[in-house]
Structure formats: C-alpha cells, structure tokens
Protein backbone atom coordinates (compact mmCIF):
# COMPACT_ATOMS: atom_id res chain seq x y z
CA MET A 1 140.98 100.29 67.79
CA LYS A 2 137.92 101.97 69.14
CA ILE A 3 136.14 100.29 71.82
CA ALA A 4 133.27 100.77 73.85
CA VAL A 5 132.05 98.90 77.41
CA VAL A 6 128.98 98.29 78.60
CA GLY A 7 128.81 98.48 82.17
CA THR A 8 131.53 99.69 84.53
CA GLY A 9 131.14 97.07 87.04
CA TYR A 10 134.53 94.70 88.65
CA VAL A 11 134.55 92.52 84.71
CA GLY A 12 133.38 96.04 82.75
CA LEU A 13 135.73 98.79 84.33
CA VAL A 14 138.73 96.17 84.36
CA THR A 15 138.39 95.11 80.31
CA GLY A 16 138.01 98.79 79.49
CA THR A 17 141.05 100.56 81.79
CA CYS A 18 143.19 97.31 80.04
CA LEU A 19 142.06 97.50 76.53
CA ALA A 20 142.95 101.01 76.87
CA ASP A 21 146.02 100.57 78.29
CA THR A 22 147.32 99.00 74.47
CA GLY A 23 146.65 101.92 72.89
CA ASN A 24 142.70 101.72 72.04
CA GLN A 25 140.53 104.31 72.13
CA VAL A 26 138.13 103.46 75.08
CA ILE A 27 134.58 104.37 76.06
CA CYS A 28 132.64 103.38 79.05
CA VAL A 29 128.91 103.65 79.61
CA ASP A 30 126.91 103.10 82.58
CA ILE A 31 123.71 104.56 83.66
CA ASN A 32 124.77 105.87 87.08
CA GLU A 33 125.69 109.42 86.59
CA LYS A 34 127.33 109.79 89.98
CA LYS A 35 129.48 106.35 89.41
CA VAL A 36 130.01 108.19 85.89
CA GLU A 37 131.01 111.24 87.72
CA MET A 38 133.11 109.81 90.06
CA MET A 39 135.34 107.87 87.21
CA GLN A 40 135.60 111.48 85.00
CA ASN A 41 137.34 112.64 87.94
CA GLY A 42 139.44 109.85 88.30
CA GLN A 43 138.15 108.05 91.89
CA VAL A 44 138.15 104.25 91.34
CA PRO A 45 134.35 102.66 92.55
CA ILE A 46 136.28 99.68 93.24
CA TYR A 47 139.43 98.32 94.99
CA GLU A 48 141.69 96.23 92.93
CA PRO A 49 145.41 96.41 93.30
CA GLY A 50 147.35 97.73 90.10
CA LEU A 51 143.70 99.41 88.60
CA GLU A 52 144.58 102.61 89.87
CA LEU A 53 147.13 103.39 88.73
CA LEU A 54 146.39 102.31 84.69
CA PHE A 55 143.16 103.81 85.16
CA ASN A 56 144.35 107.61 85.75
CA ARG A 57 146.96 106.97 82.96
CA ASN A 58 145.04 106.24 80.12
CA ILE A 59 142.78 108.85 81.66
CA HIS A 60 145.66 111.66 81.61
CA GLN A 61 146.59 109.96 77.90
CA ASN A 62 143.12 110.82 76.67
CA ARG A 63 142.24 107.26 76.08
CA LEU A 64 140.21 106.37 78.75
CA HIS A 65 136.62 108.18 78.73
CA PHE A 66 133.43 107.73 80.56
CA THR A 67 129.72 108.79 79.33
CA THR A 68 125.86 107.60 80.25
CA ASN A 69 125.38 108.15 76.94
CA LEU A 70 125.17 104.99 75.09
CA ALA A 71 124.45 106.71 71.59
CA GLU A 72 127.77 108.67 71.82
CA ALA A 73 129.70 105.22 72.95
CA VAL A 74 128.10 103.35 69.61
CA ALA A 75 128.54 105.77 66.96
CA GLU A 76 132.32 105.57 67.16
CA ALA A 77 132.91 101.79 68.28
CA LYS A 78 133.85 99.41 65.97
CA ILE A 79 133.82 96.53 68.98
CA ILE A 80 131.37 96.49 71.65
CA PHE A 81 131.80 95.25 75.05
CA LEU A 82 128.94 93.93 77.14
CA ALA A 83 129.72 94.30 80.82
CA LEU A 84 126.40 93.97 82.64
CA PRO A 85 125.12 91.93 85.34
CA THR A 86 123.81 88.56 85.03
CA PRO A 87 121.99 88.01 88.63
CA PRO A 88 120.34 85.04 89.40
CA GLY A 89 116.27 85.48 89.21
CA GLY A 90 113.81 84.01 90.82
CA ASP A 91 114.14 80.68 89.89
CA GLY A 92 117.99 81.02 90.66
CA ALA A 93 118.75 81.08 86.46
CA ALA A 94 120.74 83.73 85.14
CA ASP A 95 118.67 87.09 84.59
CA LEU A 96 119.59 88.50 80.95
CA SER A 97 116.98 91.53 80.99
CA TYR A 98 119.77 93.94 81.42
CA VAL A 99 121.91 91.69 78.26
CA LEU A 100 118.71 91.81 75.96
CA GLY A 101 117.69 95.66 76.85
CA ALA A 102 121.27 96.80 75.81
CA ALA A 103 121.73 94.90 72.63
CA LYS A 104 117.78 96.34 71.86
CA ASP A 105 119.44 100.03 72.20
CA ILE A 106 122.49 99.24 70.45
CA ALA A 107 120.98 97.69 67.63
CA ASN A 108 118.56 101.07 66.95
CA LEU A 109 121.71 103.04 67.15
CA MET A 110 123.46 101.20 64.83
CA THR A 111 124.66 102.47 61.51
CA GLU A 112 127.27 100.53 60.56
CA TYR A 113 129.06 96.95 60.82
CA LYS A 114 129.84 96.10 64.69
CA VAL A 115 130.97 93.90 66.66
CA ILE A 116 128.86 93.13 69.91
CA VAL A 117 130.80 90.99 72.38
CA THR A 118 128.96 88.93 75.39
CA LYS A 119 131.77 89.26 78.14
CA SER A 120 129.20 89.22 81.21
CA THR A 121 128.95 85.16 82.24
CA VAL A 122 125.59 84.08 80.24
CA PRO A 123 124.41 80.81 79.50
CA VAL A 124 124.72 78.43 76.82
CA GLY A 125 122.28 79.90 73.83
CA THR A 126 122.43 83.73 74.91
CA ALA A 127 124.52 84.61 71.55
CA ASP A 128 121.52 83.77 69.76
CA LYS A 129 119.62 85.68 71.40
CA VAL A 130 121.44 88.91 71.77
CA THR A 131 121.19 87.71 67.65
CA ALA A 132 117.52 87.54 67.51
CA ILE A 133 116.60 90.80 69.30
CA MET A 134 119.17 92.84 67.52
CA LYS A 135 117.66 91.63 64.00
CA GLN A 136 114.38 92.78 65.32
CA HIS A 137 115.34 96.26 65.77
CA THR A 138 118.15 97.13 62.70
CA LEU A 139 118.74 95.95 59.14
CA VAL A 140 122.64 96.91 59.50
CA GLU A 141 125.08 93.66 59.87
CA PHE A 142 126.95 93.01 62.28
CA ALA A 143 128.54 89.53 64.87
CA VAL A 144 127.80 88.35 68.22
CA VAL A 145 130.71 86.93 69.80
CA SER A 146 131.19 85.33 73.24
CA ASN A 147 134.56 86.11 74.88
CA PRO A 148 134.24 85.33 78.19
CA GLU A 149 136.44 86.83 81.16
CA PHE A 150 138.90 84.76 83.78
CA LEU A 151 139.57 87.66 85.84
CA ARG A 152 140.54 86.75 89.74
CA GLU A 153 139.69 89.21 91.53
CA GLY A 154 142.66 90.56 93.31
CA VAL A 155 144.86 89.76 90.56
CA ALA A 156 142.65 90.71 87.29
CA VAL A 157 145.11 93.10 85.97
CA ASP A 158 147.64 91.02 85.45
CA ASP A 159 145.21 88.10 84.57
CA PHE A 160 143.36 90.52 81.53
CA MET A 161 146.97 91.90 80.60
CA LYS A 162 149.13 88.54 80.40
CA PRO A 163 145.95 85.68 80.16
CA ASP A 164 146.40 81.93 80.45
CA ARG A 165 144.24 81.86 77.42
CA VAL A 166 141.50 83.93 75.49
CA VAL A 167 138.38 82.55 74.29
CA ILE A 168 136.77 83.62 71.43
CA GLY A 169 133.22 82.62 70.26
CA THR A 170 131.95 83.24 67.18
CA MET A 171 131.62 82.13 63.39
CA ASP A 172 131.68 85.34 61.80
CA GLU A 173 135.22 85.41 59.99
CA ARG A 174 135.63 89.32 60.16
CA ALA A 175 134.45 89.13 63.73
CA ARG A 176 137.22 86.49 64.51
CA LYS A 177 140.01 88.62 62.88
CA LEU A 178 139.00 91.79 64.33
CA MET A 179 139.02 90.37 68.04
CA GLY A 180 142.80 88.78 67.32
CA GLU A 181 143.97 91.81 66.45
CA LEU A 182 142.84 93.36 69.53
CA TYR A 183 143.92 90.77 71.81
CA ALA A 184 147.37 89.92 69.67
CA PRO A 185 149.10 92.08 72.41
CA TYR A 186 147.86 90.37 74.97
CA VAL A 187 149.40 87.27 74.54
CA ARG A 188 152.75 87.89 72.56
CA GLN A 189 154.13 85.28 75.57
CA GLY A 190 152.69 82.47 72.95
CA ASN A 191 149.40 81.96 75.11
CA PRO A 192 146.46 81.08 72.78
CA ILE A 193 143.87 82.80 71.50
CA ILE A 194 141.10 79.57 71.57
CA TYR A 195 138.79 80.03 68.88
CA MET A 196 135.33 78.09 69.14
CA ASP A 197 131.54 78.45 68.39
CA GLU A 198 129.78 80.67 70.83
CA ARG A 199 127.93 77.92 72.45
CA SER A 200 130.96 76.16 73.35
CA SER A 201 133.10 80.04 74.35
CA GLU A 202 129.59 79.99 76.97
CA LEU A 203 129.81 76.70 78.19
CA THR A 204 133.59 77.16 78.78
CA LYS A 205 133.47 80.29 81.59
CA TYR A 206 130.60 77.63 83.43
CA ALA A 207 132.59 74.75 83.59
CA ALA A 208 135.33 76.35 84.38
CA ASN A 209 134.03 78.28 87.40
CA SER A 210 131.85 74.96 88.25
CA PHE A 211 135.78 72.14 87.93
CA LEU A 212 137.24 75.26 90.50
CA ALA A 213 133.91 75.34 92.59
CA THR A 214 134.36 71.60 92.78
CA LYS A 215 138.16 71.13 94.07
CA ILE A 216 137.11 73.45 96.58
CA SER A 217 134.02 71.52 98.13
CA PHE A 218 136.14 68.36 97.23
CA MET A 219 139.05 69.89 99.80
CA ASN A 220 136.45 70.52 102.47
CA GLU A 221 134.63 67.44 102.67
CA ILE A 222 138.34 65.77 102.76
CA ALA A 223 139.13 68.34 105.34
CA ASN A 224 135.91 67.62 107.41
CA LEU A 225 136.76 63.42 106.87
CA CYS A 226 140.03 64.45 108.24
CA GLU A 227 139.08 66.00 111.45
CA ARG A 228 136.93 62.67 112.50
CA VAL A 229 140.30 60.03 111.56
CA GLY A 230 143.06 62.19 112.73
CA ALA A 231 144.60 63.15 109.72
CA ASP A 232 145.75 66.49 108.87
CA VAL A 233 144.55 67.99 105.49
CA ASP A 234 147.32 69.82 104.90
CA MET A 235 149.64 67.16 104.53
CA VAL A 236 146.74 65.57 101.95
CA ARG A 237 146.99 68.53 99.77
CA ARG A 238 150.22 68.21 99.82
CA GLY A 239 150.35 64.96 99.20
CA ILE A 240 148.04 65.18 96.15
CA GLY A 241 148.43 68.24 94.66
CA SER A 242 152.13 67.40 93.71
CA ASP A 243 150.12 65.15 91.53
CA ASP A 244 150.40 67.11 88.05
CA ARG A 245 146.99 65.76 87.35
CA ILE A 246 145.18 67.46 90.05
CA GLY A 247 147.54 70.65 90.53
CA ARG A 248 148.33 72.72 93.57
CA ARG A 249 145.86 75.34 93.20
CA PHE A 250 142.22 75.33 94.93
CA LEU A 251 143.12 72.33 97.12
CA PHE A 252 143.09 74.96 100.32
CA SER A 253 139.87 73.97 102.57
CA GLY A 254 138.21 75.90 104.66
CA ILE A 255 134.55 77.62 105.57
CA GLY A 256 133.35 77.80 101.50
CA TYR A 257 133.60 79.80 98.14
CA GLY A 258 131.92 83.32 97.52
CA GLY A 259 132.07 85.95 95.70
CA SER A 260 129.94 87.58 92.50
CA CYS A 261 130.98 84.50 89.86
CA PHE A 262 131.27 80.48 91.77
CA PRO A 263 127.95 80.61 93.40
CA LYS A 264 125.73 82.20 90.61
CA ASP A 265 128.05 79.93 87.91
CA VAL A 266 127.39 76.96 89.83
CA GLN A 267 123.73 77.24 90.25
CA ALA A 268 123.26 78.62 86.84
CA LEU A 269 125.11 75.67 85.19
CA ALA A 270 123.03 73.14 87.12
CA ILE A 271 119.60 74.80 86.66
CA SER A 272 120.78 75.29 82.73
CA ALA A 273 121.18 71.15 82.43
CA THR A 274 117.63 70.74 84.38
CA GLU A 275 116.39 72.91 81.80
CA ASN A 276 117.39 70.35 79.25
CA GLU A 277 116.74 67.76 81.37
CA TYR A 278 119.85 66.14 82.70
CA ASP A 279 120.40 66.02 86.34
CA PHE A 280 124.29 67.64 87.12
CA LYS A 281 124.55 65.33 90.31
CA ILE A 282 128.35 66.87 91.09
CA LEU A 283 126.95 70.60 91.04
CA ASN A 284 123.64 69.86 93.64
CA SER A 285 126.39 68.23 95.72
CA VAL A 286 128.87 71.08 95.31
CA MET A 287 125.92 73.83 96.14
CA GLU A 288 125.19 71.72 99.43
CA VAL A 289 128.42 71.09 100.66
CA ASN A 290 129.61 74.85 100.37
CA GLU A 291 126.31 75.81 101.84
CA ILE A 292 127.01 73.28 104.94
CA GLN A 293 130.31 74.55 105.14
CA LYS A 294 130.07 78.65 105.41
CA LYS A 295 128.05 77.54 108.80
CA LEU A 296 131.03 75.05 109.73
CA LEU A 297 132.91 77.75 112.55
CA VAL A 298 129.76 78.60 114.21
CA GLU A 299 129.11 74.87 114.54
CA LYS A 300 132.64 74.69 116.19
CA VAL A 301 131.88 77.98 118.35
CA LYS A 302 128.94 76.56 119.53
CA LYS A 303 130.70 73.34 120.64
CA TYR A 304 133.66 75.12 122.66
CA PHE A 305 130.77 77.03 124.58
CA LYS A 306 128.94 74.03 125.28
CA GLY A 307 125.70 75.33 122.87
CA ASP A 308 125.69 78.73 124.48
CA ILE A 309 126.68 81.79 122.95
CA LYS A 310 124.20 84.32 124.04
CA GLY A 311 125.56 87.46 125.07
CA LYS A 312 128.93 86.50 123.70
CA LYS A 313 131.17 89.06 122.21
CA PHE A 314 133.16 87.73 118.52
CA ALA A 315 136.30 89.45 117.19
CA MET A 316 136.42 88.98 113.75
CA TRP A 317 139.01 89.32 111.05
CA GLY A 318 138.05 89.68 107.47
CA LEU A 319 134.55 90.03 106.08
CA ALA A 320 135.73 90.12 102.04
CA PHE A 321 134.90 86.87 100.01
CA LYS A 322 138.82 86.56 99.50
CA PRO A 323 141.72 88.76 100.24
CA GLU A 324 142.52 91.74 98.09
CA THR A 325 138.96 92.87 97.17
CA ASP A 326 136.72 94.84 98.91
CA ASP A 327 133.73 92.40 97.58
CA ILE A 328 131.54 90.63 99.56
CA ARG A 329 128.94 88.92 97.34
CA GLU A 330 128.11 85.61 98.70
CA ALA A 331 131.14 85.94 101.48
CA PRO A 332 131.34 82.67 104.10
CA SER A 333 131.80 86.14 106.79
CA LEU A 334 128.41 87.52 106.29
CA TYR A 335 127.16 83.60 106.81
CA VAL A 336 128.74 83.14 110.21
CA ILE A 337 127.24 86.80 111.56
CA ASP A 338 124.15 86.11 110.76
CA GLU A 339 124.55 82.66 112.49
CA LEU A 340 125.92 84.45 115.38
CA LEU A 341 124.02 87.12 115.56
CA LYS A 342 120.65 84.89 115.68
CA GLU A 343 122.07 83.27 118.80
CA GLY A 344 122.22 85.95 120.62
CA ALA A 345 126.37 87.07 120.06
CA SER A 346 127.64 90.09 119.88
CA VAL A 347 130.28 90.77 116.81
CA VAL A 348 133.31 93.46 116.44
CA ALA A 349 134.99 93.09 112.91
CA PHE A 350 138.16 94.26 111.26
CA ASP A 351 138.42 93.68 107.08
CA PRO A 352 141.45 95.82 105.34
CA GLU A 353 139.12 96.67 102.35
CA ALA A 354 135.56 95.65 102.79
CA MET A 355 133.99 97.49 106.35
CA ASN A 356 132.58 100.13 104.31
CA ASN A 357 130.69 97.68 101.75
CA VAL A 358 129.05 95.46 105.19
CA LYS A 359 128.27 98.78 106.59
CA ALA A 360 126.41 99.57 103.41
CA LEU A 361 124.63 96.49 103.73
CA LEU A 362 124.36 95.73 107.83
CA GLY A 363 124.68 98.76 109.45
CA ASP A 364 125.04 99.06 113.67
CA LYS A 365 124.10 95.62 113.48
CA ILE A 366 127.48 94.14 114.11
CA GLY A 367 130.61 96.93 115.47
CA TYR A 368 133.95 97.63 113.49
CA ALA A 369 137.48 98.48 114.98
CA GLU A 370 140.31 100.91 113.47
CA ASN A 371 142.80 97.59 113.37
CA GLN A 372 142.95 94.56 113.70
CA TYR A 373 144.12 94.41 117.74
CA ASP A 374 141.41 96.95 118.51
CA ALA A 375 138.71 94.26 117.48
CA LEU A 376 139.72 91.66 120.08
CA ILE A 377 138.81 93.83 123.24
CA GLY A 378 137.11 92.19 125.72
CA ALA A 379 136.88 89.31 122.78
CA ASP A 380 135.32 85.94 123.67
CA ALA A 381 137.32 84.60 121.33
CA LEU A 382 138.84 85.31 117.47
CA LEU A 383 137.10 83.99 114.29
CA ILE A 384 139.34 84.06 111.08
CA VAL A 385 137.25 84.46 107.73
CA THR A 386 139.49 85.54 105.62
CA GLU A 387 143.04 85.23 104.61
CA TRP A 388 144.44 88.93 104.54
CA SER A 389 147.92 88.98 104.45
CA VAL A 390 148.20 90.64 107.72
CA PHE A 391 146.51 88.08 109.45
CA ARG A 392 149.51 86.05 108.60
CA THR A 393 151.86 87.13 111.20
CA PRO A 394 150.28 88.71 114.48
CA ASP A 395 151.54 89.38 117.37
CA PHE A 396 150.59 86.65 119.70
CA ASP A 397 151.20 88.76 123.02
CA LEU A 398 148.97 90.98 122.23
CA LEU A 399 146.34 88.66 120.70
CA GLU A 400 146.32 87.46 124.60
CA ASN A 401 146.54 90.80 125.99
CA GLN A 402 143.55 92.19 124.26
CA LEU A 403 141.24 88.92 123.94
CA LYS A 404 139.08 88.19 127.01
CA ASN A 405 140.06 83.98 126.25
CA LYS A 406 143.09 82.76 124.53
CA VAL A 407 141.07 81.29 122.19
CA ILE A 408 140.83 81.12 118.03
CA PHE A 409 138.87 80.03 115.56
CA ASP A 410 140.46 79.92 112.03
CA GLY A 411 138.32 79.74 109.17
CA ARG A 412 141.61 79.81 106.85
CA ASN A 413 143.99 77.92 108.50
CA LEU A 414 146.54 80.43 108.75
CA TYR A 415 148.26 79.43 112.08
CA ASP A 416 151.12 76.73 112.40
CA LEU A 417 150.24 73.93 114.78
CA GLN A 418 152.97 74.01 116.79
CA LYS A 419 153.29 78.02 117.01
CA MET A 420 149.64 77.51 118.71
CA ILE A 421 150.65 74.60 120.89
CA ASP A 422 153.67 76.88 121.77
CA CYS A 423 151.98 80.00 122.09
CA GLY A 424 149.14 78.58 124.61
CA PHE A 425 145.74 79.21 122.29
CA TYR A 426 142.86 76.77 122.20
CA TYR A 427 142.91 76.53 118.53
CA ASN A 428 140.52 75.33 116.19
CA SER A 429 141.14 75.26 112.57
CA ILE A 430 139.32 73.42 109.27
CA GLY A 431 141.12 69.21 109.11
CA ARG A 432 143.54 69.52 111.12
CA LYS A 433 143.60 68.26 114.91
CA VAL A 434 142.54 70.82 117.64
CA ILE A 435 144.93 72.88 119.74
CA GLU A 436 143.95 72.75 123.51
C-alpha cells in the first residue's frame, strides 16, 4: 500500500519506518529541508532504540522515502497520516494550526479518494474540523480517520510492531476496510483492532494518558505520606501492584512525570472538560501534584544544607525525562536545575543521550561531564534524576572518592537501603526512610 506521513517528529518517523517494514511504500514529508536531507542520507534525527536498523533497512530496500514536497506525497498515497505537532497554546489547549493547515493543503492537491488519518494527539472534535476545512477546498471524496498512537519512548518500535491494541475511529466503511488491511500484519498474535466513532477514538488517547499520569501522581502522594508515617513506598507498591485490578505498572514513585505526552495531554483534557462546562477535579489535582513533585528533590537538598546552597556544586545523573530517550520536553531535570541555579548553586550533569539537547537549551548555564564519574569530582552531593540502567550499579568506592561529601539524593529510588547503610552514604530517596 502507498502511504504518506506528514511530519517526521517522533511519532511520524516511527510510524513511517514501521509501516515501511511490512512492505508498504512510504513517503515522509517535512518542511525542514536540512532534516529531510539528513534522513535521505540515512541519519536518524532522534534517539530511539531499534529505530536506526529499521530506518536504514527500508531506505536501502527502497520502501522509505523523504521529501519536502507535499504534492509529491499526496499524488501517490492512498492513506495520508497527519503526525504533526499539537503544542499547548497560550490558554493550554492543543494548538491545531499545523493539523488544519496540512488538511487544507492536502485538500487542494487531491484528485481521487484519500483516507486522511489524524495520528497526532488531538482534542475531541478534531476529525470534524479536519473534515469541514477539507470540504471547503475540495469536491473529491475522502474520509477522515482518528488513529491515536500509543507509543512509549524507548520501546516505540516494539509498541508499533506488536501493539496491545489498535484504535481506529471512523464511520466510513471504505476507510475502515483500508485501515484494517494496513494494520493486519501487526496484530497477527490476536491483539485487537478496536473500531469506534471518531470522537470516542480521540478521547481514548487523552483518557489513557491521563489515567496513567493519575497513577503516577497518586503514588507520589503515597510516597510523600510514607515519609511522614515511617512506611516504605516500595513495600506499598508491591502490596497494591499484586492486585490485578490495579496492576504493577506506573506505580513507581519519583519526581514527577514529563515528556511530550503526559503534561500536555492531561492539561488539554482538563481544558476540554472546562470548555464543555465540566470541572474535572481529579486531573486538576494530578497536575498540581506533579508540579510540586518536580521540585521535591531540591527541597530535600535545601533541608540537608540548612536552607543555604549558594556556592554549592551538585552532580546530576540524568537529564532525559525517562531512560532510553534523548527527549527533554517537560523533563523534571530542567525544573531541578532551574531551582538549584536560582539558589546560587552550580550543576555538572551527565546523561547517556540527552546532553546535546540540554546544551542547545541551556548552553553554559550548567557543566557537562564526559562520563557519570567525572560529574562527581568536587561535588557536594549527587542528584539522581533519570533511571538509566548505567546508574543502577555504580562503583560506590569511586563515588566516595570523587564526591566532596558522601551524599546522594535519589529521585528514582535506584539503590537498596541496606546497601547504602553498608556503604556509609547519606541517602535520601522518595517515600523511604533517610539513611544517615
């Protein structure tokens, strides 16, 4: 099948590459000429495990193509995916200008029936808006389908190739059949393709992300209570996670959620509720808890240093919002850095993948180490912000030698408490007793 993907951000590039890997002819469109040239030369512009192999294989086998020419892509494609940014606008609602602009341009270029698929995360009613604007600019038949993505950064290729479910929102039988044929190779193990109307499909994505964010904020509240009553959040997590009504996933406490999806999707759903005269109290609380949690580590640091960290130097392990990605959008690390700098402290950071993105954002406001141990040299304390595997079993003797003080503030609960006692570190984590 001939496919076009408009937008080569995280979702668009993974979608286009994975669709090509099952034999489809895929052409990806982007307005950034340098980015397109880079991809044409076999360079992947994002870090995502497993993507580079598929990317280069499908370019080599002439199934995956890149262009800045939308007309070229529309001319041949039977299905056109819109994988465009929907950033929060000034009021926090999703900005649909990129999606609606592309829909208008596509409508002006169409000469035969096309299926237009909104892959971006969009508010309820977006399919109706896309349909309306396209009808203003073409008399050619088309269908608009909502097909939300459920890709987790770090395992996105696996998520696409072996999805838990595929959600397709359309009332158009012709489009339903084409989309079913397209996704059939990905659900051979029996996971469902779930068909529904467009509005239900659009709301499904927001509901899924908002529920997961709610689980995270709930566990962070439990962790904060654990510290006050002398309980251990890891024990609580194991106790409730064994209940299959609750499940084990997304129950790890920490310093808040970040990334490109949860923050903006929770906010967008809450705003959508307000616009429809409904006060979504839970989501407002989820966002409030997350904002507080992002700064929790700094409060712990300030308390340890008796309220004065001016002139202190801190090593930071982890900058990406989660491991196995270089994405720093809404990363808790940025909030921690900002608070430390405001207090007059300095930061030297190490992250396996995200340092270039932070350098582009912060420049020389902080220092950057060649490896995790160099970041420790002369630091008053270590702050662990992202749970990369490389941080899980460090050389504690080297930590002791490099740090000025044997002090660790762990925002991801990486280390066993008894191990910290044996090593003689001051160790302050989330929702567990402080080792002194």
